[in-house]
Amino acid sequence: MPVNKIAQSRPVDSLTKRYRSILLSRFGFILSLLALTLTAETSSAENPPANEASELYKVRIQFDVPYQGDADPLQVADIYIPVRGDIEHAPKLPGVLVIHGGAWVAGDKRFDSGHARKIAQQGYVVMAINYRLAPKHKHPAQVQDCRQALRWLHEHAQEYHMDETALGVWGYSAGGHLAALLATDRKELDPPIRVCVAGGAPCDLSMIPEDSRVLAGFLGGTRKRLANLYAEASPIEHVTQDDPPVLLFHGDADELVPIEYAKRMQKKLSEHSVEHELIVLPGKSHLMAFVDPRGMKASISFLDRYLKSPR
């Protein structure tokens, strides 16, 4: 489908008209649903089948750890620490930064708790973060906080018996966008990222219609007025052959971020010979792809491949 047709198609129109109404006016309902779902997932994960129990780490959690001094109460993280036997004499563990979604204007690290715990149970030090939200804090505040959190995790690697050279990022929706932006738009002080998982991620903001104000709170105006800023905030615009491997997972019935976003990112990664995979979840909406266990299974497999295998 030509680019000019994509911007006018019903799926993208659905994104622009429904993104705010669902994620803002009805966000409380959605977060409540997520909380119930993830609580159930976490309870199940804490009591795995007997044949899997020996493979899982127990998890200890440090809540609300500041990663940017006391500048803002949103700049805090929960640290999920794997515990198994005499870990001090075991090999150091890889680390993963987990970034929540919520259209850059809402959301909370607690709603990734089920996902963060599942990753930690597989032997990863996980840092699930809050970050400053729009419209009070516009781009690039969100990705700046993610960068600071990643640097903090790297600096505190010894404290958590973590391998500072084995870092990955994981996010869904707006969190997937931020994870992909970290992986593709690296800055001088950023520690190396060895793998990125971006689920349901809007990686190409040029797909937003020019006059739509759906991202005005996040970016400060329409794409027509701020075309350069929309491009700068798009992970797809920063892809190079030096990027780390990327896993994309996406529901093909996503009504908020149509799967065309993932397909365009996949094409760009292919053009630059970046290792990647796209996992399509048939019939899954934006919300249901987030809680679909196949997305987490694929995520952990991909993380294992690049953070636990010899380089």
C-alpha atoms as a PDB file:
ATOM      1  CA  MET A   1       0.000   0.000   0.000  1.00  0.00           C
ATOM      2  CA  PRO A   2       1.514   3.390  -0.956  1.00  0.00           C
ATOM      3  CA  VAL A   3       2.556   5.649   1.919  1.00  0.00           C
ATOM      4  CA  ASN A   4      -0.007   8.337   1.046  1.00  0.00           C
ATOM      5  CA  LYS A   5      -2.765   5.719   1.212  1.00  0.00           C
ATOM      6  CA  ILE A   6      -1.542   4.397   4.564  1.00  0.00           C
ATOM      7  CA  ALA A   7      -1.959   7.802   6.186  1.00  0.00           C
ATOM      8  CA  GLN A   8      -5.536   7.975   4.972  1.00  0.00           C
ATOM      9  CA  SER A   9      -6.576   4.390   5.657  1.00  0.00           C
ATOM     10  CA  ARG A  10      -9.160   3.456   8.218  1.00  0.00           C
ATOM     11  CA  PRO A  11      -6.697   1.710  10.610  1.00  0.00           C
ATOM     12  CA  VAL A  12      -4.599   4.858  11.017  1.00  0.00           C
ATOM     13  CA  ASP A  13      -7.727   6.993  11.214  1.00  0.00           C
ATOM     14  CA  SER A  14      -8.803   4.618  13.964  1.00  0.00           C
ATOM     15  CA  LEU A  15      -5.531   5.290  15.721  1.00  0.00           C
ATOM     16  CA  THR A  16      -5.896   9.040  15.572  1.00  0.00           C
ATOM     17  CA  LYS A  17      -9.552   9.157  16.608  1.00  0.00           C
ATOM     18  CA  ARG A  18      -9.636   6.376  19.177  1.00  0.00           C
ATOM     19  CA  TYR A  19      -6.160   6.434  20.719  1.00  0.00           C
ATOM     20  CA  ARG A  20      -7.019   9.278  23.030  1.00  0.00           C
ATOM     21  CA  SER A  21     -10.612   8.286  23.770  1.00  0.00           C
ATOM     22  CA  ILE A  22      -9.644   4.742  24.766  1.00  0.00           C
ATOM     23  CA  LEU A  23      -6.357   5.395  26.506  1.00  0.00           C
ATOM     24  CA  LEU A  24      -7.453   8.586  28.244  1.00  0.00           C
ATOM     25  CA  SER A  25     -11.190   8.809  28.896  1.00  0.00           C
ATOM     26  CA  ARG A  26     -11.385   5.047  29.502  1.00  0.00           C
ATOM     27  CA  PHE A  27      -7.844   4.493  30.708  1.00  0.00           C
ATOM     28  CA  GLY A  28      -8.889   3.739  34.256  1.00  0.00           C
ATOM     29  CA  PHE A  29     -10.982   0.814  33.051  1.00  0.00           C
ATOM     30  CA  ILE A  30      -8.186  -0.530  30.875  1.00  0.00           C
ATOM     31  CA  LEU A  31      -5.607  -0.287  33.636  1.00  0.00           C
ATOM     32  CA  SER A  32      -7.952  -2.045  36.040  1.00  0.00           C
ATOM     33  CA  LEU A  33      -8.337  -4.857  33.518  1.00  0.00           C
ATOM     34  CA  LEU A  34      -4.595  -5.061  33.053  1.00  0.00           C
ATOM     35  CA  ALA A  35      -4.023  -5.124  36.791  1.00  0.00           C
ATOM     36  CA  LEU A  36      -6.432  -8.044  37.209  1.00  0.00           C
ATOM     37  CA  THR A  37      -4.900  -9.928  34.289  1.00  0.00           C
ATOM     38  CA  LEU A  38      -1.335  -9.441  35.385  1.00  0.00           C
ATOM     39  CA  THR A  39      -2.132 -10.280  38.996  1.00  0.00           C
ATOM     40  CA  ALA A  40      -3.483 -13.604  37.781  1.00  0.00           C
ATOM     41  CA  GLU A  41      -0.403 -14.138  35.625  1.00  0.00           C
ATOM     42  CA  THR A  42       1.910 -13.329  38.520  1.00  0.00           C
ATOM     43  CA  SER A  43       0.110 -15.691  40.874  1.00  0.00           C
ATOM     44  CA  SER A  44       0.434 -18.456  38.307  1.00  0.00           C
ATOM     45  CA  ALA A  45       4.110 -17.677  37.754  1.00  0.00           C
ATOM     46  CA  GLU A  46       4.819 -17.856  41.483  1.00  0.00           C
ATOM     47  CA  ASN A  47       3.487 -21.422  41.520  1.00  0.00           C
ATOM     48  CA  PRO A  48       4.835 -22.977  38.314  1.00  0.00           C
ATOM     49  CA  PRO A  49       4.306 -26.633  37.419  1.00  0.00           C
ATOM     50  CA  ALA A  50       6.670 -28.959  39.244  1.00  0.00           C
ATOM     51  CA  ASN A  51       8.638 -29.796  36.100  1.00  0.00           C
ATOM     52  CA  GLU A  52       9.393 -26.088  35.542  1.00  0.00           C
ATOM     53  CA  ALA A  53      10.009 -24.997  39.132  1.00  0.00           C
ATOM     54  CA  SER A  54      13.707 -25.910  39.105  1.00  0.00           C
ATOM     55  CA  GLU A  55      14.300 -23.703  36.076  1.00  0.00           C
ATOM     56  CA  LEU A  56      12.919 -20.526  37.613  1.00  0.00           C
ATOM     57  CA  TYR A  57      14.550 -18.017  39.905  1.00  0.00           C
ATOM     58  CA  LYS A  58      12.742 -16.649  42.913  1.00  0.00           C
ATOM     59  CA  VAL A  59      12.362 -12.889  42.679  1.00  0.00           C
ATOM     60  CA  ARG A  60      12.957 -10.176  45.256  1.00  0.00           C
ATOM     61  CA  ILE A  61      11.680  -6.668  44.464  1.00  0.00           C
ATOM     62  CA  GLN A  62      12.952  -3.252  45.512  1.00  0.00           C
ATOM     63  CA  PHE A  63      10.126  -0.753  45.018  1.00  0.00           C
ATOM     64  CA  ASP A  64      10.297   2.922  44.012  1.00  0.00           C
ATOM     65  CA  VAL A  65      14.069   3.238  43.691  1.00  0.00           C
ATOM     66  CA  PRO A  66      14.978   6.757  42.438  1.00  0.00           C
ATOM     67  CA  TYR A  67      17.153   6.784  39.326  1.00  0.00           C
ATOM     68  CA  GLN A  68      17.392  10.582  38.923  1.00  0.00           C
ATOM     69  CA  GLY A  69      17.885  11.932  42.418  1.00  0.00           C
ATOM     70  CA  ASP A  70      14.698  13.419  43.844  1.00  0.00           C
ATOM     71  CA  ALA A  71      13.908  15.597  40.848  1.00  0.00           C
ATOM     72  CA  ASP A  72      10.482  14.101  40.120  1.00  0.00           C
ATOM     73  CA  PRO A  73       8.444  11.407  41.910  1.00  0.00           C
ATOM     74  CA  LEU A  74       7.831   9.739  38.539  1.00  0.00           C
ATOM     75  CA  GLN A  75      11.542   9.083  38.060  1.00  0.00           C
ATOM     76  CA  VAL A  76      11.552   5.873  40.088  1.00  0.00           C
ATOM     77  CA  ALA A  77      11.849   2.177  39.311  1.00  0.00           C
ATOM     78  CA  ASP A  78      11.065  -1.249  40.701  1.00  0.00           C
ATOM     79  CA  ILE A  79      14.064  -3.578  40.602  1.00  0.00           C
ATOM     80  CA  TYR A  80      13.297  -7.291  40.175  1.00  0.00           C
ATOM     81  CA  ILE A  81      16.235  -9.281  41.508  1.00  0.00           C
ATOM     82  CA  PRO A  82      16.577 -13.003  40.723  1.00  0.00           C
ATOM     83  CA  VAL A  83      17.506 -15.141  43.724  1.00  0.00           C
ATOM     84  CA  ARG A  84      18.735 -18.725  43.546  1.00  0.00           C
ATOM     85  CA  GLY A  85      21.245 -20.455  45.818  1.00  0.00           C
ATOM     86  CA  ASP A  86      24.681 -18.906  46.237  1.00  0.00           C
ATOM     87  CA  ILE A  87      24.248 -16.309  43.537  1.00  0.00           C
ATOM     88  CA  GLU A  88      27.370 -14.397  44.592  1.00  0.00           C
ATOM     89  CA  HIS A  89      29.499 -17.252  43.250  1.00  0.00           C
ATOM     90  CA  ALA A  90      27.382 -17.775  40.148  1.00  0.00           C
ATOM     91  CA  PRO A  91      27.966 -16.046  36.805  1.00  0.00           C
ATOM     92  CA  LYS A  92      26.682 -12.492  36.633  1.00  0.00           C
ATOM     93  CA  LEU A  93      23.186 -12.062  35.224  1.00  0.00           C
ATOM     94  CA  PRO A  94      22.080  -9.938  32.263  1.00  0.00           C
ATOM     95  CA  GLY A  95      19.848  -6.901  32.799  1.00  0.00           C
ATOM     96  CA  VAL A  96      16.670  -5.690  31.109  1.00  0.00           C
ATOM     97  CA  LEU A  97      15.041  -2.251  31.242  1.00  0.00           C
ATOM     98  CA  VAL A  98      11.227  -2.565  31.074  1.00  0.00           C
ATOM     99  CA  ILE A  99       9.264   0.471  29.851  1.00  0.00           C
ATOM    100  CA  HIS A 100       5.491   0.786  30.315  1.00  0.00           C
ATOM    101  CA  GLY A 101       2.987   2.022  27.739  1.00  0.00           C
ATOM    102  CA  GLY A 102       0.134   4.504  27.998  1.00  0.00           C
ATOM    103  CA  ALA A 103       0.362   6.827  24.981  1.00  0.00           C
ATOM    104  CA  TRP A 104       3.208   8.733  26.692  1.00  0.00           C
ATOM    105  CA  VAL A 105       0.579  10.488  28.859  1.00  0.00           C
ATOM    106  CA  ALA A 106      -0.425   7.778  31.346  1.00  0.00           C
ATOM    107  CA  GLY A 107       0.508   4.339  32.653  1.00  0.00           C
ATOM    108  CA  ASP A 108       2.647   3.032  35.461  1.00  0.00           C
ATOM    109  CA  LYS A 109       5.433   0.498  36.006  1.00  0.00           C
ATOM    110  CA  ARG A 110       3.067  -1.607  38.128  1.00  0.00           C
ATOM    111  CA  PHE A 111       1.114  -2.617  35.038  1.00  0.00           C
ATOM    112  CA  ASP A 112       4.212  -4.316  33.643  1.00  0.00           C
ATOM    113  CA  SER A 113       4.736  -6.190  36.912  1.00  0.00           C
ATOM    114  CA  GLY A 114       3.644  -9.559  35.508  1.00  0.00           C
ATOM    115  CA  HIS A 115       5.949  -9.203  32.520  1.00  0.00           C
ATOM    116  CA  ALA A 116       8.855  -7.912  34.623  1.00  0.00           C
ATOM    117  CA  ARG A 117       8.532 -10.800  37.066  1.00  0.00           C
ATOM    118  CA  LYS A 118       8.404 -13.391  34.269  1.00  0.00           C
ATOM    119  CA  ILE A 119      11.601 -12.005  32.758  1.00  0.00           C
ATOM    120  CA  ALA A 120      13.327 -11.889  36.156  1.00  0.00           C
ATOM    121  CA  GLN A 121      12.317 -15.494  36.877  1.00  0.00           C
ATOM    122  CA  GLN A 122      14.365 -16.492  33.843  1.00  0.00           C
ATOM    123  CA  GLY A 123      17.515 -15.012  35.369  1.00  0.00           C
ATOM    124  CA  TYR A 124      17.476 -11.329  34.455  1.00  0.00           C
ATOM    125  CA  VAL A 125      17.896  -8.294  36.678  1.00  0.00           C
ATOM    126  CA  VAL A 126      14.877  -6.236  35.611  1.00  0.00           C
ATOM    127  CA  MET A 127      14.390  -2.508  36.087  1.00  0.00           C
ATOM    128  CA  ALA A 128      10.763  -1.494  35.448  1.00  0.00           C
ATOM    129  CA  ILE A 129      10.502   2.280  35.343  1.00  0.00           C
ATOM    130  CA  ASN A 130       8.143   5.181  35.605  1.00  0.00           C
ATOM    131  CA  TYR A 131       9.019   8.256  33.596  1.00  0.00           C
ATOM    132  CA  ARG A 132       7.768  11.819  33.189  1.00  0.00           C
ATOM    133  CA  LEU A 133       4.504  12.031  31.283  1.00  0.00           C
ATOM    134  CA  ALA A 134       3.017  14.366  28.696  1.00  0.00           C
ATOM    135  CA  PRO A 135       1.423  16.823  28.315  1.00  0.00           C
ATOM    136  CA  LYS A 136       3.208  18.361  31.317  1.00  0.00           C
ATOM    137  CA  HIS A 137       6.471  16.919  30.068  1.00  0.00           C
ATOM    138  CA  LYS A 138       6.772  16.726  26.296  1.00  0.00           C
ATOM    139  CA  HIS A 139       9.213  14.763  24.154  1.00  0.00           C
ATOM    140  CA  PRO A 140      12.106  14.213  24.649  1.00  0.00           C
ATOM    141  CA  ALA A 141      11.492  14.043  28.429  1.00  0.00           C
ATOM    142  CA  GLN A 142      10.263  10.441  28.231  1.00  0.00           C
ATOM    143  CA  VAL A 143      13.224   9.033  26.308  1.00  0.00           C
ATOM    144  CA  GLN A 144      15.626  11.136  28.382  1.00  0.00           C
ATOM    145  CA  ASP A 145      14.303   9.424  31.499  1.00  0.00           C
ATOM    146  CA  CYS A 146      14.684   6.024  29.833  1.00  0.00           C
ATOM    147  CA  ARG A 147      18.289   6.868  28.991  1.00  0.00           C
ATOM    148  CA  GLN A 148      18.976   7.954  32.547  1.00  0.00           C
ATOM    149  CA  ALA A 149      17.411   4.762  33.894  1.00  0.00           C
ATOM    150  CA  LEU A 150      19.527   2.619  31.565  1.00  0.00           C
ATOM    151  CA  ARG A 151      22.666   4.468  32.664  1.00  0.00           C
ATOM    152  CA  TRP A 152      21.656   4.030  36.316  1.00  0.00           C
ATOM    153  CA  LEU A 153      21.197   0.281  35.814  1.00  0.00           C
ATOM    154  CA  HIS A 154      24.594   0.073  34.145  1.00  0.00           C
ATOM    155  CA  GLU A 155      26.250   2.029  36.970  1.00  0.00           C
ATOM    156  CA  HIS A 156      24.657  -0.193  39.650  1.00  0.00           C
ATOM    157  CA  ALA A 157      25.478  -3.468  37.950  1.00  0.00           C
ATOM    158  CA  GLN A 158      27.830  -4.692  40.680  1.00  0.00           C
ATOM    159  CA  GLU A 159      25.221  -4.058  43.376  1.00  0.00           C
ATOM    160  CA  TYR A 160      22.792  -6.414  41.620  1.00  0.00           C
ATOM    161  CA  HIS A 161      25.363  -9.029  40.519  1.00  0.00           C
ATOM    162  CA  MET A 162      24.650  -7.995  36.950  1.00  0.00           C
ATOM    163  CA  ASP A 163      26.778  -8.104  33.823  1.00  0.00           C
ATOM    164  CA  GLU A 164      26.944  -4.478  32.717  1.00  0.00           C
ATOM    165  CA  THR A 165      27.864  -5.564  29.183  1.00  0.00           C
ATOM    166  CA  ALA A 166      24.646  -7.597  28.760  1.00  0.00           C
ATOM    167  CA  LEU A 167      21.801  -5.079  28.684  1.00  0.00           C
ATOM    168  CA  GLY A 168      18.478  -5.280  26.852  1.00  0.00           C
ATOM    169  CA  VAL A 169      15.352  -3.140  26.633  1.00  0.00           C
ATOM    170  CA  TRP A 170      11.713  -4.280  26.549  1.00  0.00           C
ATOM    171  CA  GLY A 171       8.568  -2.207  26.077  1.00  0.00           C
ATOM    172  CA  TYR A 172       5.029  -2.331  24.801  1.00  0.00           C
ATOM    173  CA  SER A 173       2.997   0.329  22.969  1.00  0.00           C
ATOM    174  CA  ALA A 174       4.476   3.731  23.894  1.00  0.00           C
ATOM    175  CA  GLY A 175       6.992   1.727  25.923  1.00  0.00           C
ATOM    176  CA  GLY A 176       7.882  -0.234  22.798  1.00  0.00           C
ATOM    177  CA  HIS A 177       8.363   3.029  20.935  1.00  0.00           C
ATOM    178  CA  LEU A 178      10.715   4.280  23.663  1.00  0.00           C
ATOM    179  CA  ALA A 179      12.614   0.975  23.756  1.00  0.00           C
ATOM    180  CA  ALA A 180      13.102   1.112  19.989  1.00  0.00           C
ATOM    181  CA  LEU A 181      14.191   4.748  20.191  1.00  0.00           C
ATOM    182  CA  LEU A 182      16.809   3.837  22.805  1.00  0.00           C
ATOM    183  CA  ALA A 183      18.094   1.041  20.603  1.00  0.00           C
ATOM    184  CA  THR A 184      18.274   3.037  17.370  1.00  0.00           C
ATOM    185  CA  ASP A 185      19.064   6.591  18.527  1.00  0.00           C
ATOM    186  CA  ARG A 186      21.995   5.961  20.830  1.00  0.00           C
ATOM    187  CA  LYS A 187      23.808   8.805  22.573  1.00  0.00           C
ATOM    188  CA  GLU A 188      27.430   9.064  23.622  1.00  0.00           C
ATOM    189  CA  LEU A 189      26.848   8.277  27.312  1.00  0.00           C
ATOM    190  CA  ASP A 190      24.415   5.415  26.723  1.00  0.00           C
ATOM    191  CA  PRO A 191      25.685   1.963  27.685  1.00  0.00           C
ATOM    192  CA  PRO A 192      25.562  -0.525  24.801  1.00  0.00           C
ATOM    193  CA  ILE A 193      22.195  -2.238  24.241  1.00  0.00           C
ATOM    194  CA  ARG A 194      22.573  -5.798  22.981  1.00  0.00           C
ATOM    195  CA  VAL A 195      18.918  -6.526  22.244  1.00  0.00           C
ATOM    196  CA  CYS A 196      15.576  -4.719  21.966  1.00  0.00           C
ATOM    197  CA  VAL A 197      12.012  -6.041  22.259  1.00  0.00           C
ATOM    198  CA  ALA A 198       9.300  -3.656  21.061  1.00  0.00           C
ATOM    199  CA  GLY A 199       5.696  -4.847  21.156  1.00  0.00           C
ATOM    200  CA  GLY A 200       2.747  -2.942  19.663  1.00  0.00           C
ATOM    201  CA  ALA A 201       5.099  -0.072  18.956  1.00  0.00           C
ATOM    202  CA  PRO A 202       4.358   3.016  16.792  1.00  0.00           C
ATOM    203  CA  CYS A 203       7.854   3.253  15.316  1.00  0.00           C
ATOM    204  CA  ASP A 204       7.020   5.514  12.359  1.00  0.00           C
ATOM    205  CA  LEU A 205       5.192   8.669  13.377  1.00  0.00           C
ATOM    206  CA  SER A 206       4.986   9.825   9.757  1.00  0.00           C
ATOM    207  CA  MET A 207       1.924   7.571   9.575  1.00  0.00           C
ATOM    208  CA  ILE A 208       0.002  10.036  11.736  1.00  0.00           C
ATOM    209  CA  PRO A 209      -2.118  12.308   9.484  1.00  0.00           C
ATOM    210  CA  GLU A 210      -0.607  15.768   9.123  1.00  0.00           C
ATOM    211  CA  ASP A 211      -3.439  17.657  10.799  1.00  0.00           C
ATOM    212  CA  SER A 212      -4.158  15.165  13.578  1.00  0.00           C
ATOM    213  CA  ARG A 213      -3.651  16.417  17.112  1.00  0.00           C
ATOM    214  CA  VAL A 214      -3.545  12.922  18.627  1.00  0.00           C
ATOM    215  CA  LEU A 215       0.141  13.357  19.541  1.00  0.00           C
ATOM    216  CA  ALA A 216       0.014  17.099  20.220  1.00  0.00           C
ATOM    217  CA  GLY A 217       0.229  16.552  23.959  1.00  0.00           C
ATOM    218  CA  PHE A 218       3.314  14.390  23.509  1.00  0.00           C
ATOM    219  CA  LEU A 219       5.098  16.335  20.755  1.00  0.00           C
ATOM    220  CA  GLY A 220       3.640  19.825  21.078  1.00  0.00           C
ATOM    221  CA  GLY A 221       1.632  20.110  17.868  1.00  0.00           C
ATOM    222  CA  THR A 222       0.617  18.458  14.623  1.00  0.00           C
ATOM    223  CA  ARG A 223       2.922  16.702  12.179  1.00  0.00           C
ATOM    224  CA  LYS A 224       2.179  19.403   9.604  1.00  0.00           C
ATOM    225  CA  ARG A 225       3.681  22.008  11.921  1.00  0.00           C
ATOM    226  CA  LEU A 226       6.412  19.869  13.481  1.00  0.00           C
ATOM    227  CA  ALA A 227       7.437  17.424  10.747  1.00  0.00           C
ATOM    228  CA  ASN A 228      11.098  17.396  11.777  1.00  0.00           C
ATOM    229  CA  LEU A 229      10.228  16.663  15.402  1.00  0.00           C
ATOM    230  CA  TYR A 230       7.920  13.793  14.411  1.00  0.00           C
ATOM    231  CA  ALA A 231      10.768  12.335  12.348  1.00  0.00           C
ATOM    232  CA  GLU A 232      13.268  12.799  15.168  1.00  0.00           C
ATOM    233  CA  ALA A 233      10.908  10.980  17.556  1.00  0.00           C
ATOM    234  CA  SER A 234      10.449   8.045  15.127  1.00  0.00           C
ATOM    235  CA  PRO A 235      12.716   5.038  15.740  1.00  0.00           C
ATOM    236  CA  ILE A 236      12.429   4.076  12.074  1.00  0.00           C
ATOM    237  CA  GLU A 237      14.311   7.256  11.107  1.00  0.00           C
ATOM    238  CA  HIS A 238      17.355   6.255  13.188  1.00  0.00           C
ATOM    239  CA  VAL A 239      17.849   2.674  12.011  1.00  0.00           C
ATOM    240  CA  THR A 240      21.418   1.833  10.950  1.00  0.00           C
ATOM    241  CA  GLN A 241      23.316  -1.391  10.351  1.00  0.00           C
ATOM    242  CA  ASP A 242      24.950  -1.005  13.779  1.00  0.00           C
ATOM    243  CA  ASP A 243      21.680  -1.386  15.689  1.00  0.00           C
ATOM    244  CA  PRO A 244      21.175  -4.304  18.075  1.00  0.00           C
ATOM    245  CA  PRO A 245      18.823  -7.182  17.202  1.00  0.00           C
ATOM    246  CA  VAL A 246      15.150  -6.225  17.444  1.00  0.00           C
ATOM    247  CA  LEU A 247      12.093  -8.347  18.171  1.00  0.00           C
ATOM    248  CA  LEU A 248       8.750  -6.866  17.134  1.00  0.00           C
ATOM    249  CA  PHE A 249       5.517  -8.508  18.273  1.00  0.00           C
ATOM    250  CA  HIS A 250       2.130  -7.183  17.245  1.00  0.00           C
ATOM    251  CA  GLY A 251      -1.533  -8.168  17.086  1.00  0.00           C
ATOM    252  CA  ASP A 252      -2.873  -8.198  13.538  1.00  0.00           C
ATOM    253  CA  ALA A 253      -6.223  -6.884  14.833  1.00  0.00           C
ATOM    254  CA  ASP A 254      -4.613  -3.972  16.679  1.00  0.00           C
ATOM    255  CA  GLU A 255      -7.112  -1.117  16.512  1.00  0.00           C
ATOM    256  CA  LEU A 256      -4.833   1.498  18.111  1.00  0.00           C
ATOM    257  CA  VAL A 257      -1.458   0.879  16.501  1.00  0.00           C
ATOM    258  CA  PRO A 258      -2.166  -0.996  13.248  1.00  0.00           C
ATOM    259  CA  ILE A 259       0.241  -3.769  12.346  1.00  0.00           C
ATOM    260  CA  GLU A 260       1.414  -1.712   9.364  1.00  0.00           C
ATOM    261  CA  TYR A 261       3.641   0.120  11.869  1.00  0.00           C
ATOM    262  CA  ALA A 262       5.464  -3.115  12.659  1.00  0.00           C
ATOM    263  CA  LYS A 263       5.695  -4.129   9.000  1.00  0.00           C
ATOM    264  CA  ARG A 264       7.257  -0.818   8.030  1.00  0.00           C
ATOM    265  CA  MET A 265       9.794  -1.118  10.854  1.00  0.00           C
ATOM    266  CA  GLN A 266      10.528  -4.690   9.785  1.00  0.00           C
ATOM    267  CA  LYS A 267      11.191  -3.509   6.221  1.00  0.00           C
ATOM    268  CA  LYS A 268      13.562  -0.778   7.424  1.00  0.00           C
ATOM    269  CA  LEU A 269      15.484  -3.217   9.634  1.00  0.00           C
ATOM    270  CA  SER A 270      15.798  -5.597   6.684  1.00  0.00           C
ATOM    271  CA  GLU A 271      17.085  -2.830   4.424  1.00  0.00           C
ATOM    272  CA  HIS A 272      19.876  -2.130   6.934  1.00  0.00           C
ATOM    273  CA  SER A 273      20.654  -5.803   7.626  1.00  0.00           C
ATOM    274  CA  VAL A 274      19.703  -5.533  11.303  1.00  0.00           C
ATOM    275  CA  GLU A 275      18.918  -8.896  12.883  1.00  0.00           C
ATOM    276  CA  HIS A 276      15.220  -8.967  13.716  1.00  0.00           C
ATOM    277  CA  GLU A 277      12.010 -10.943  13.974  1.00  0.00           C
ATOM    278  CA  LEU A 278       8.350 -10.008  13.694  1.00  0.00           C
ATOM    279  CA  ILE A 279       5.927 -12.138  15.682  1.00  0.00           C
ATOM    280  CA  VAL A 280       2.341 -11.642  14.499  1.00  0.00           C
ATOM    281  CA  LEU A 281      -0.401 -12.529  16.992  1.00  0.00           C
ATOM    282  CA  PRO A 282      -3.464 -13.442  14.893  1.00  0.00           C
ATOM    283  CA  GLY A 283      -6.738 -11.819  15.883  1.00  0.00           C
ATOM    284  CA  LYS A 284      -5.245  -9.954  18.831  1.00  0.00           C
ATOM    285  CA  SER A 285      -6.124  -6.337  19.589  1.00  0.00           C
ATOM    286  CA  HIS A 286      -3.701  -3.852  21.128  1.00  0.00           C
ATOM    287  CA  LEU A 287      -4.664  -4.784  24.680  1.00  0.00           C
ATOM    288  CA  MET A 288      -4.905  -8.514  24.088  1.00  0.00           C
ATOM    289  CA  ALA A 289      -1.516  -8.672  22.343  1.00  0.00           C
ATOM    290  CA  PHE A 290      -0.027  -7.116  25.471  1.00  0.00           C
ATOM    291  CA  VAL A 291      -1.297  -9.914  27.705  1.00  0.00           C
ATOM    292  CA  ASP A 292      -0.966 -12.763  25.178  1.00  0.00           C
ATOM    293  CA  PRO A 293       1.561 -15.263  26.629  1.00  0.00           C
ATOM    294  CA  ARG A 294       3.007 -15.905  23.172  1.00  0.00           C
ATOM    295  CA  GLY A 295       4.436 -12.392  23.152  1.00  0.00           C
ATOM    296  CA  MET A 296       6.216 -12.970  26.459  1.00  0.00           C
ATOM    297  CA  LYS A 297       7.437 -16.421  25.385  1.00  0.00           C
ATOM    298  CA  ALA A 298       8.914 -14.935  22.215  1.00  0.00           C
ATOM    299  CA  SER A 299      10.400 -12.048  24.208  1.00  0.00           C
ATOM    300  CA  ILE A 300      12.230 -14.309  26.640  1.00  0.00           C
ATOM    301  CA  SER A 301      13.489 -16.564  23.853  1.00  0.00           C
ATOM    302  CA  PHE A 302      14.838 -13.543  21.970  1.00  0.00           C
ATOM    303  CA  LEU A 303      16.438 -12.058  25.107  1.00  0.00           C
ATOM    304  CA  ASP A 304      18.063 -15.407  25.889  1.00  0.00           C
ATOM    305  CA  ARG A 305      19.499 -15.663  22.386  1.00  0.00           C
ATOM    306  CA  TYR A 306      21.361 -12.369  22.581  1.00  0.00           C
ATOM    307  CA  LEU A 307      21.998 -11.866  26.300  1.00  0.00           C
ATOM    308  CA  LYS A 308      22.781 -15.399  27.458  1.00  0.00           C
ATOM    309  CA  SER A 309      24.435 -16.943  24.431  1.00  0.00           C
ATOM    310  CA  PRO A 310      28.205 -16.442  23.966  1.00  0.00           C
ATOM    311  CA  ARG A 311      28.983 -13.411  21.832  1.00  0.00           C
END
